[in-house]
Amino acid sequence: ALAARRVTEKQIADWKRIFQLCDEDESGLLSWVELRTLFFSIGKPTSDDEIKDMLSQVDSNGDGLIDFQELLCLLTNEREAEWMEQEKELLQAFKAFDKDNNGFITLEKLKDAMHSSGLMLSDDELHCMIDRADLDGDGQINLREFLQMMR
């Protein structure tokens, strides 16, 4: 359900078009060979074993073929995994600023992080950065605000 909310109608339409193009026999079903072609066409070359594994995950009736709904499940699950990886990376980035783990990036923490990376910004520039991300007006950036700013 989470992944479905992150998939737009346009993406579904694009995937449907690609599905139809890869469905060489126009059966409304993709074999593992056609599925491999589909993944290659969307820029994700995948090994035969990975394709067969993916196919087994979503092939609900065990016929070795997947219909568009099953493909949609596969792609949204993959998209959810990518999203979770991005969230993990953003959380690590937040923690790099929040050295004392109190859940906030303050002006001082931001200044320290910038200086550590060789960026010497003025207090005005740092205040501007904080103000841009500080949605609740408390003068610091919490994790929610950081994630919203970075997305």
Protein backbone atom coordinates (compact mmCIF):
# COMPACT_ATOMS: atom_id res chain seq x y z
CA ALA A 1 0.00 0.00 0.00
CA LEU A 2 2.85 2.40 0.79
CA ALA A 3 4.54 1.79 -2.52
CA ALA A 4 1.33 2.20 -4.47
CA ARG A 5 0.98 5.74 -3.14
CA ARG A 6 4.41 6.60 -4.53
CA VAL A 7 3.58 5.40 -8.03
CA THR A 8 1.91 7.97 -10.24
CA GLU A 9 -0.79 7.35 -12.83
CA LYS A 10 1.73 8.40 -15.51
CA GLN A 11 4.23 5.78 -14.30
CA ILE A 12 1.54 3.10 -14.40
CA ALA A 13 0.59 4.18 -17.94
CA ASP A 14 4.27 4.12 -18.97
CA TRP A 15 4.74 0.66 -17.47
CA LYS A 16 1.58 -0.54 -19.25
CA ARG A 17 2.93 0.74 -22.58
CA ILE A 18 6.30 -0.98 -21.98
CA PHE A 19 4.49 -4.17 -20.90
CA GLN A 20 2.54 -4.17 -24.16
CA LEU A 21 5.68 -3.55 -26.23
CA CYS A 22 7.51 -6.44 -24.51
CA ASP A 23 4.52 -8.78 -24.83
CA GLU A 24 5.70 -10.06 -28.19
CA ASP A 25 2.95 -12.66 -28.66
CA GLU A 26 0.27 -10.19 -27.44
CA SER A 27 -1.01 -12.74 -24.92
CA GLY A 28 -1.37 -10.20 -22.12
CA LEU A 29 1.27 -12.21 -20.25
CA LEU A 30 5.05 -11.96 -20.04
CA SER A 31 7.41 -14.93 -20.01
CA TRP A 32 10.70 -14.66 -18.15
CA VAL A 33 12.42 -13.82 -21.48
CA GLU A 34 9.94 -11.00 -22.14
CA LEU A 35 10.33 -9.84 -18.53
CA ARG A 36 14.11 -9.70 -19.00
CA THR A 37 13.55 -7.54 -22.10
CA LEU A 38 11.23 -5.27 -20.11
CA PHE A 39 13.79 -4.74 -17.34
CA PHE A 40 16.48 -4.05 -19.91
CA SER A 41 14.21 -1.50 -21.62
CA ILE A 42 13.62 0.40 -18.36
CA GLY A 43 17.37 0.61 -17.74
CA LYS A 44 17.67 -2.23 -15.22
CA PRO A 45 19.56 -5.04 -16.92
CA THR A 46 18.96 -8.10 -14.78
CA SER A 47 20.44 -11.60 -14.82
CA ASP A 48 18.35 -14.60 -15.86
CA ASP A 49 18.42 -15.95 -12.30
CA GLU A 50 17.22 -12.62 -10.87
CA ILE A 51 14.40 -12.50 -13.43
CA LYS A 52 13.32 -16.05 -12.61
CA ASP A 53 13.43 -15.21 -8.89
CA MET A 54 11.30 -12.09 -9.42
CA LEU A 55 8.89 -14.07 -11.55
CA SER A 56 8.47 -16.67 -8.81
CA GLN A 57 7.72 -13.91 -6.27
CA VAL A 58 4.72 -12.55 -8.15
CA ASP A 59 3.52 -15.44 -10.33
CA SER A 60 0.43 -16.15 -8.24
CA ASN A 61 -0.87 -19.08 -10.29
CA GLY A 62 2.55 -20.68 -10.97
CA ASP A 63 2.22 -20.75 -14.76
CA GLY A 64 5.62 -19.09 -15.29
CA LEU A 65 3.98 -16.03 -16.80
CA ILE A 66 2.96 -12.71 -15.29
CA ASP A 67 0.14 -10.39 -16.21
CA PHE A 68 0.23 -6.62 -15.86
CA GLN A 69 -1.14 -6.65 -12.27
CA GLU A 70 1.62 -9.04 -11.22
CA LEU A 71 4.19 -6.84 -12.96
CA LEU A 72 2.80 -3.80 -11.17
CA CYS A 73 3.26 -5.63 -7.85
CA LEU A 74 6.84 -6.45 -8.79
CA LEU A 75 7.70 -2.91 -9.88
CA THR A 76 6.06 -1.23 -6.88
CA ASN A 77 7.87 -3.61 -4.51
CA GLU A 78 11.15 -2.75 -6.22
CA ARG A 79 10.28 0.95 -6.06
CA GLU A 80 9.49 0.61 -2.35
CA ALA A 81 12.89 -1.03 -1.77
CA GLU A 82 14.62 1.85 -3.61
CA TRP A 83 12.62 4.38 -1.59
CA MET A 84 13.57 2.67 1.69
CA GLU A 85 17.24 2.73 0.69
CA GLN A 86 16.99 6.46 -0.05
CA GLU A 87 15.32 7.04 3.33
CA LYS A 88 18.14 5.15 5.03
CA GLU A 89 20.72 7.32 3.27
CA LEU A 90 18.86 10.50 4.26
CA LEU A 91 18.71 9.32 7.88
CA GLN A 92 22.48 8.75 7.82
CA ALA A 93 22.94 12.25 6.39
CA PHE A 94 20.77 13.71 9.17
CA LYS A 95 22.83 11.87 11.78
CA ALA A 96 26.01 13.32 10.28
CA PHE A 97 24.69 16.77 11.24
CA ASP A 98 23.04 15.71 14.52
CA LYS A 99 26.26 14.69 16.30
CA ASP A 100 24.72 14.56 19.81
CA ASN A 101 21.69 12.55 18.59
CA ASN A 102 19.11 14.86 20.15
CA GLY A 103 17.02 14.88 16.96
CA PHE A 104 17.80 18.44 15.87
CA ILE A 105 20.20 20.27 13.59
CA THR A 106 21.01 23.59 15.21
CA LEU A 107 22.91 26.55 13.79
CA GLU A 108 26.06 25.39 15.63
CA LYS A 109 25.79 21.82 14.33
CA LEU A 110 25.23 23.09 10.80
CA LYS A 111 28.22 25.43 11.12
CA ASP A 112 30.44 22.59 12.42
CA ALA A 113 29.36 20.27 9.59
CA MET A 114 29.96 22.94 6.96
CA HIS A 115 33.39 23.81 8.38
CA SER A 116 34.30 20.09 8.52
CA SER A 117 33.52 19.79 4.83
CA GLY A 118 35.55 22.90 4.01
CA LEU A 119 32.62 25.26 3.48
CA MET A 120 33.07 28.49 5.38
CA LEU A 121 29.63 30.09 5.38
CA SER A 122 28.64 33.24 7.22
CA ASP A 123 26.15 33.09 10.09
CA ASP A 124 23.64 34.85 7.82
CA GLU A 125 24.00 32.15 5.17
CA LEU A 126 23.62 29.42 7.81
CA HIS A 127 20.55 31.15 9.30
CA CYS A 128 19.08 31.30 5.81
CA MET A 129 19.63 27.53 5.38
CA ILE A 130 17.99 26.81 8.74
CA ASP A 131 15.09 29.18 8.03
CA ARG A 132 14.41 27.56 4.67
CA ALA A 133 14.00 24.12 6.23
CA ASP A 134 12.57 25.09 9.65
CA LEU A 135 8.84 24.55 9.12
CA ASP A 136 7.76 24.87 12.77
CA GLY A 137 9.80 28.04 13.42
CA ASP A 138 11.76 26.72 16.41
CA GLY A 139 15.12 27.78 14.94
CA GLN A 140 16.38 24.26 14.30
CA ILE A 141 15.74 21.42 11.88
CA ASN A 142 14.15 18.17 13.06
CA LEU A 143 14.22 14.92 11.09
CA ARG A 144 10.81 15.48 9.48
CA GLU A 145 11.85 18.93 8.27
CA PHE A 146 15.17 17.58 7.02
CA LEU A 147 13.50 14.77 5.06
CA GLN A 148 10.99 17.17 3.56
CA MET A 149 13.74 19.55 2.51
CA MET A 150 15.82 16.77 0.94
CA ARG A 151 13.04 15.11 -1.08
